[in-house]
Amino acid sequence: MEQTKLELVVNEILNGELSEKELFIVDITISPKNEISLIIDSNFGVDILDCSTISRHIENTFDRDQEDYELTVGSAGLSTPFKIQRQYQKYLGKEISVLTQKGEKIICTLSEITENGISAEETKKIKIEKSSKKQEIKINHTWNFSEIKAAIPHINFNQKK
């Protein structure tokens, strides 16, 4: 099964009966053994019904007698690194954790997404000299996508409501 035909079928599903959920493809992989893994996401969340609807539609589109394949449809999890620009857009204005190619891990608020990368603002507390007090400073970062090893949503369990 060729990936472009599969992508066309999946896009048809996403633009058709599931368009109101604004689902999008994060990744499609097809192994040499025809093991197909489809990862989807949405600004509004992905549930098991979305995955099963897509899976059923794909099963009904391809003839099992001609195409022998194994299919897995899933959603991008909170610990899954972003793969496409649309995932960054979902987190615009929210905290993400960025691991740079240099090995720096930075928790920051995503402020801008461009064709080539992102801009984000990091908030740090630094100790004031000769004082026990800390001062909050803002550091602006700009990275090309090639400088980012991984980026994921940041979940802060200590955040006050």
C-alpha atoms as a PDB file:
ATOM      1  CA  MET A   1       0.000   0.000   0.000  1.00  0.00           C
ATOM      2  CA  GLU A   2       1.514   3.297  -0.970  1.00  0.00           C
ATOM      3  CA  GLN A   3       1.559   6.147   1.513  1.00  0.00           C
ATOM      4  CA  THR A   4       0.162   8.795  -0.846  1.00  0.00           C
ATOM      5  CA  LYS A   5      -3.011   6.772  -1.521  1.00  0.00           C
ATOM      6  CA  LEU A   6      -3.444   6.180   2.214  1.00  0.00           C
ATOM      7  CA  GLU A   7      -2.898   9.890   2.958  1.00  0.00           C
ATOM      8  CA  LEU A   8      -5.537  10.810   0.384  1.00  0.00           C
ATOM      9  CA  VAL A   9      -8.048   8.439   1.985  1.00  0.00           C
ATOM     10  CA  VAL A  10      -7.302   9.704   5.501  1.00  0.00           C
ATOM     11  CA  ASN A  11      -7.522  13.352   4.401  1.00  0.00           C
ATOM     12  CA  GLU A  12     -10.867  12.577   2.763  1.00  0.00           C
ATOM     13  CA  ILE A  13     -12.114  11.203   6.096  1.00  0.00           C
ATOM     14  CA  LEU A  14     -10.754  14.131   8.102  1.00  0.00           C
ATOM     15  CA  ASN A  15     -12.205  16.694   5.698  1.00  0.00           C
ATOM     16  CA  GLY A  16     -15.515  14.854   5.552  1.00  0.00           C
ATOM     17  CA  GLU A  17     -17.316  13.324   8.479  1.00  0.00           C
ATOM     18  CA  LEU A  18     -14.743  14.368  11.089  1.00  0.00           C
ATOM     19  CA  SER A  19     -14.097  17.916   9.865  1.00  0.00           C
ATOM     20  CA  GLU A  20     -15.984  19.554  12.746  1.00  0.00           C
ATOM     21  CA  LYS A  21     -13.391  18.173  15.164  1.00  0.00           C
ATOM     22  CA  GLU A  22     -10.581  19.737  13.110  1.00  0.00           C
ATOM     23  CA  LEU A  23      -8.537  16.539  13.186  1.00  0.00           C
ATOM     24  CA  PHE A  24      -5.197  16.490  11.419  1.00  0.00           C
ATOM     25  CA  ILE A  25      -2.544  13.930  10.535  1.00  0.00           C
ATOM     26  CA  VAL A  26       0.581  14.027  12.672  1.00  0.00           C
ATOM     27  CA  ASP A  27       2.317  10.992  11.210  1.00  0.00           C
ATOM     28  CA  ILE A  28       1.779   8.050   8.910  1.00  0.00           C
ATOM     29  CA  THR A  29       4.307   5.249   8.792  1.00  0.00           C
ATOM     30  CA  ILE A  30       4.154   2.118   6.686  1.00  0.00           C
ATOM     31  CA  SER A  31       6.682  -0.601   7.436  1.00  0.00           C
ATOM     32  CA  PRO A  32       8.029  -3.004   4.781  1.00  0.00           C
ATOM     33  CA  LYS A  33       5.609  -5.590   6.262  1.00  0.00           C
ATOM     34  CA  ASN A  34       2.650  -3.230   5.576  1.00  0.00           C
ATOM     35  CA  GLU A  35       2.210  -2.337   9.248  1.00  0.00           C
ATOM     36  CA  ILE A  36       0.461   1.030   9.101  1.00  0.00           C
ATOM     37  CA  SER A  37       0.603   3.429  12.016  1.00  0.00           C
ATOM     38  CA  LEU A  38      -1.515   6.573  11.772  1.00  0.00           C
ATOM     39  CA  ILE A  39      -1.242   9.288  14.441  1.00  0.00           C
ATOM     40  CA  ILE A  40      -3.882  12.034  14.528  1.00  0.00           C
ATOM     41  CA  ASP A  41      -4.450  15.115  16.676  1.00  0.00           C
ATOM     42  CA  SER A  42      -6.953  17.928  17.108  1.00  0.00           C
ATOM     43  CA  ASN A  43      -7.237  21.258  18.908  1.00  0.00           C
ATOM     44  CA  PHE A  44     -10.217  19.762  20.740  1.00  0.00           C
ATOM     45  CA  GLY A  45      -8.809  16.367  21.652  1.00  0.00           C
ATOM     46  CA  VAL A  46      -9.039  12.958  20.026  1.00  0.00           C
ATOM     47  CA  ASP A  47     -11.173  10.173  21.439  1.00  0.00           C
ATOM     48  CA  ILE A  48     -11.491   6.465  20.752  1.00  0.00           C
ATOM     49  CA  LEU A  49     -14.534   7.066  18.517  1.00  0.00           C
ATOM     50  CA  ASP A  50     -12.445   9.293  16.212  1.00  0.00           C
ATOM     51  CA  CYS A  51      -9.766   6.611  15.939  1.00  0.00           C
ATOM     52  CA  SER A  52     -12.264   3.821  15.307  1.00  0.00           C
ATOM     53  CA  THR A  53     -14.156   5.884  12.685  1.00  0.00           C
ATOM     54  CA  ILE A  54     -10.940   6.461  10.745  1.00  0.00           C
ATOM     55  CA  SER A  55      -9.888   2.836  11.151  1.00  0.00           C
ATOM     56  CA  ARG A  56     -13.276   1.550   9.895  1.00  0.00           C
ATOM     57  CA  HIS A  57     -13.233   3.901   6.915  1.00  0.00           C
ATOM     58  CA  ILE A  58      -9.731   2.770   5.921  1.00  0.00           C
ATOM     59  CA  GLU A  59     -10.770  -0.889   6.335  1.00  0.00           C
ATOM     60  CA  ASN A  60     -13.775  -0.271   4.055  1.00  0.00           C
ATOM     61  CA  THR A  61     -11.683   1.553   1.447  1.00  0.00           C
ATOM     62  CA  PHE A  62      -8.913  -1.011   0.933  1.00  0.00           C
ATOM     63  CA  ASP A  63      -9.576  -4.556  -0.253  1.00  0.00           C
ATOM     64  CA  ARG A  64      -8.092  -7.087   2.159  1.00  0.00           C
ATOM     65  CA  ASP A  65      -7.727  -9.578  -0.692  1.00  0.00           C
ATOM     66  CA  GLN A  66      -5.397  -7.187  -2.531  1.00  0.00           C
ATOM     67  CA  GLU A  67      -3.784  -5.386   0.413  1.00  0.00           C
ATOM     68  CA  ASP A  68      -2.521  -7.382   3.371  1.00  0.00           C
ATOM     69  CA  TYR A  69      -1.864  -4.880   6.162  1.00  0.00           C
ATOM     70  CA  GLU A  70      -2.033  -4.261   9.888  1.00  0.00           C
ATOM     71  CA  LEU A  71      -3.533  -0.916  10.932  1.00  0.00           C
ATOM     72  CA  THR A  72      -3.110   1.107  14.113  1.00  0.00           C
ATOM     73  CA  VAL A  73      -4.829   4.483  14.523  1.00  0.00           C
ATOM     74  CA  GLY A  74      -3.942   6.524  17.602  1.00  0.00           C
ATOM     75  CA  SER A  75      -3.659  10.032  18.951  1.00  0.00           C
ATOM     76  CA  ALA A  76      -0.586  12.072  19.762  1.00  0.00           C
ATOM     77  CA  GLY A  77      -0.105  11.864  23.520  1.00  0.00           C
ATOM     78  CA  LEU A  78       1.079  14.575  25.890  1.00  0.00           C
ATOM     79  CA  SER A  79       4.515  12.983  26.089  1.00  0.00           C
ATOM     80  CA  THR A  80       4.857  12.553  22.328  1.00  0.00           C
ATOM     81  CA  PRO A  81       7.202  15.155  20.784  1.00  0.00           C
ATOM     82  CA  PHE A  82       5.690  17.502  18.228  1.00  0.00           C
ATOM     83  CA  LYS A  83       6.281  16.336  14.669  1.00  0.00           C
ATOM     84  CA  ILE A  84       4.462  18.957  12.635  1.00  0.00           C
ATOM     85  CA  GLN A  85       3.933  22.699  12.752  1.00  0.00           C
ATOM     86  CA  ARG A  86       0.196  22.350  13.401  1.00  0.00           C
ATOM     87  CA  GLN A  87       0.951  20.770  16.795  1.00  0.00           C
ATOM     88  CA  TYR A  88       2.892  23.878  17.782  1.00  0.00           C
ATOM     89  CA  GLN A  89      -0.107  26.022  16.747  1.00  0.00           C
ATOM     90  CA  LYS A  90      -2.282  24.048  19.148  1.00  0.00           C
ATOM     91  CA  TYR A  91      -0.053  25.198  22.014  1.00  0.00           C
ATOM     92  CA  LEU A  92       0.349  28.852  21.023  1.00  0.00           C
ATOM     93  CA  GLY A  93       0.197  30.913  24.240  1.00  0.00           C
ATOM     94  CA  LYS A  94       0.701  27.801  26.384  1.00  0.00           C
ATOM     95  CA  GLU A  95       3.691  26.302  28.147  1.00  0.00           C
ATOM     96  CA  ILE A  96       5.843  23.800  26.313  1.00  0.00           C
ATOM     97  CA  SER A  97       9.071  22.045  27.161  1.00  0.00           C
ATOM     98  CA  VAL A  98      11.799  22.409  24.545  1.00  0.00           C
ATOM     99  CA  LEU A  99      14.873  20.199  24.371  1.00  0.00           C
ATOM    100  CA  THR A 100      17.425  21.842  22.116  1.00  0.00           C
ATOM    101  CA  GLN A 101      19.986  20.037  19.972  1.00  0.00           C
ATOM    102  CA  LYS A 102      22.579  21.379  22.481  1.00  0.00           C
ATOM    103  CA  GLY A 103      20.861  19.443  25.282  1.00  0.00           C
ATOM    104  CA  GLU A 104      19.225  22.410  27.044  1.00  0.00           C
ATOM    105  CA  LYS A 105      15.741  21.776  28.450  1.00  0.00           C
ATOM    106  CA  ILE A 106      13.712  24.983  28.634  1.00  0.00           C
ATOM    107  CA  ILE A 107      10.158  25.414  29.866  1.00  0.00           C
ATOM    108  CA  CYS A 108       8.643  28.398  28.122  1.00  0.00           C
ATOM    109  CA  THR A 109       5.448  29.929  26.779  1.00  0.00           C
ATOM    110  CA  LEU A 110       5.086  29.550  23.030  1.00  0.00           C
ATOM    111  CA  SER A 111       4.575  33.031  21.569  1.00  0.00           C
ATOM    112  CA  GLU A 112       5.073  32.694  17.802  1.00  0.00           C
ATOM    113  CA  ILE A 113       5.333  30.072  15.091  1.00  0.00           C
ATOM    114  CA  THR A 114       6.931  30.819  11.754  1.00  0.00           C
ATOM    115  CA  GLU A 115       7.618  28.727   8.693  1.00  0.00           C
ATOM    116  CA  ASN A 116      11.143  28.018   9.993  1.00  0.00           C
ATOM    117  CA  GLY A 117      10.792  27.898  13.766  1.00  0.00           C
ATOM    118  CA  ILE A 118       9.295  29.236  16.975  1.00  0.00           C
ATOM    119  CA  SER A 119       9.679  32.035  19.495  1.00  0.00           C
ATOM    120  CA  ALA A 120       8.962  31.532  23.182  1.00  0.00           C
ATOM    121  CA  GLU A 121       9.331  33.333  26.493  1.00  0.00           C
ATOM    122  CA  GLU A 122      10.997  31.715  29.486  1.00  0.00           C
ATOM    123  CA  THR A 123      10.332  33.015  32.998  1.00  0.00           C
ATOM    124  CA  LYS A 124      13.224  32.597  35.442  1.00  0.00           C
ATOM    125  CA  LYS A 125      13.622  33.556  39.054  1.00  0.00           C
ATOM    126  CA  ILE A 126      17.091  34.754  39.942  1.00  0.00           C
ATOM    127  CA  LYS A 127      18.455  35.646  43.338  1.00  0.00           C
ATOM    128  CA  ILE A 128      19.130  39.339  43.887  1.00  0.00           C
ATOM    129  CA  GLU A 129      22.693  40.009  45.025  1.00  0.00           C
ATOM    130  CA  LYS A 130      23.119  40.520  48.780  1.00  0.00           C
ATOM    131  CA  SER A 131      19.464  39.646  49.353  1.00  0.00           C
ATOM    132  CA  SER A 132      17.341  36.605  50.044  1.00  0.00           C
ATOM    133  CA  LYS A 133      14.738  37.807  47.555  1.00  0.00           C
ATOM    134  CA  LYS A 134      14.317  36.546  44.007  1.00  0.00           C
ATOM    135  CA  GLN A 135      13.477  38.571  40.954  1.00  0.00           C
ATOM    136  CA  GLU A 136      11.491  37.268  38.019  1.00  0.00           C
ATOM    137  CA  ILE A 137      13.016  37.886  34.599  1.00  0.00           C
ATOM    138  CA  LYS A 138      11.748  37.077  31.113  1.00  0.00           C
ATOM    139  CA  ILE A 139      14.051  35.582  28.495  1.00  0.00           C
ATOM    140  CA  ASN A 140      12.995  35.493  24.846  1.00  0.00           C
ATOM    141  CA  HIS A 141      14.109  32.531  22.773  1.00  0.00           C
ATOM    142  CA  THR A 142      13.941  31.972  19.038  1.00  0.00           C
ATOM    143  CA  TRP A 143      14.748  28.575  17.550  1.00  0.00           C
ATOM    144  CA  ASN A 144      14.743  27.183  14.047  1.00  0.00           C
ATOM    145  CA  PHE A 145      13.019  23.811  13.936  1.00  0.00           C
ATOM    146  CA  SER A 146      16.416  22.251  13.140  1.00  0.00           C
ATOM    147  CA  GLU A 147      17.690  23.494  16.534  1.00  0.00           C
ATOM    148  CA  ILE A 148      14.926  21.691  18.417  1.00  0.00           C
ATOM    149  CA  LYS A 149      15.530  18.073  19.311  1.00  0.00           C
ATOM    150  CA  ALA A 150      12.073  17.666  20.880  1.00  0.00           C
ATOM    151  CA  ALA A 151       9.190  19.821  22.062  1.00  0.00           C
ATOM    152  CA  ILE A 152       6.221  18.618  24.111  1.00  0.00           C
ATOM    153  CA  PRO A 153       3.402  20.214  26.066  1.00  0.00           C
ATOM    154  CA  HIS A 154       4.477  21.157  29.599  1.00  0.00           C
ATOM    155  CA  ILE A 155       2.148  19.896  32.288  1.00  0.00           C
ATOM    156  CA  ASN A 156       2.575  21.796  35.552  1.00  0.00           C
ATOM    157  CA  PHE A 157       1.049  19.791  38.400  1.00  0.00           C
ATOM    158  CA  ASN A 158       2.022  22.459  40.967  1.00  0.00           C
ATOM    159  CA  GLN A 159       0.202  25.297  39.227  1.00  0.00           C
ATOM    160  CA  LYS A 160      -2.254  27.180  41.424  1.00  0.00           C
ATOM    161  CA  LYS A 161      -5.762  27.726  40.128  1.00  0.00           C
END
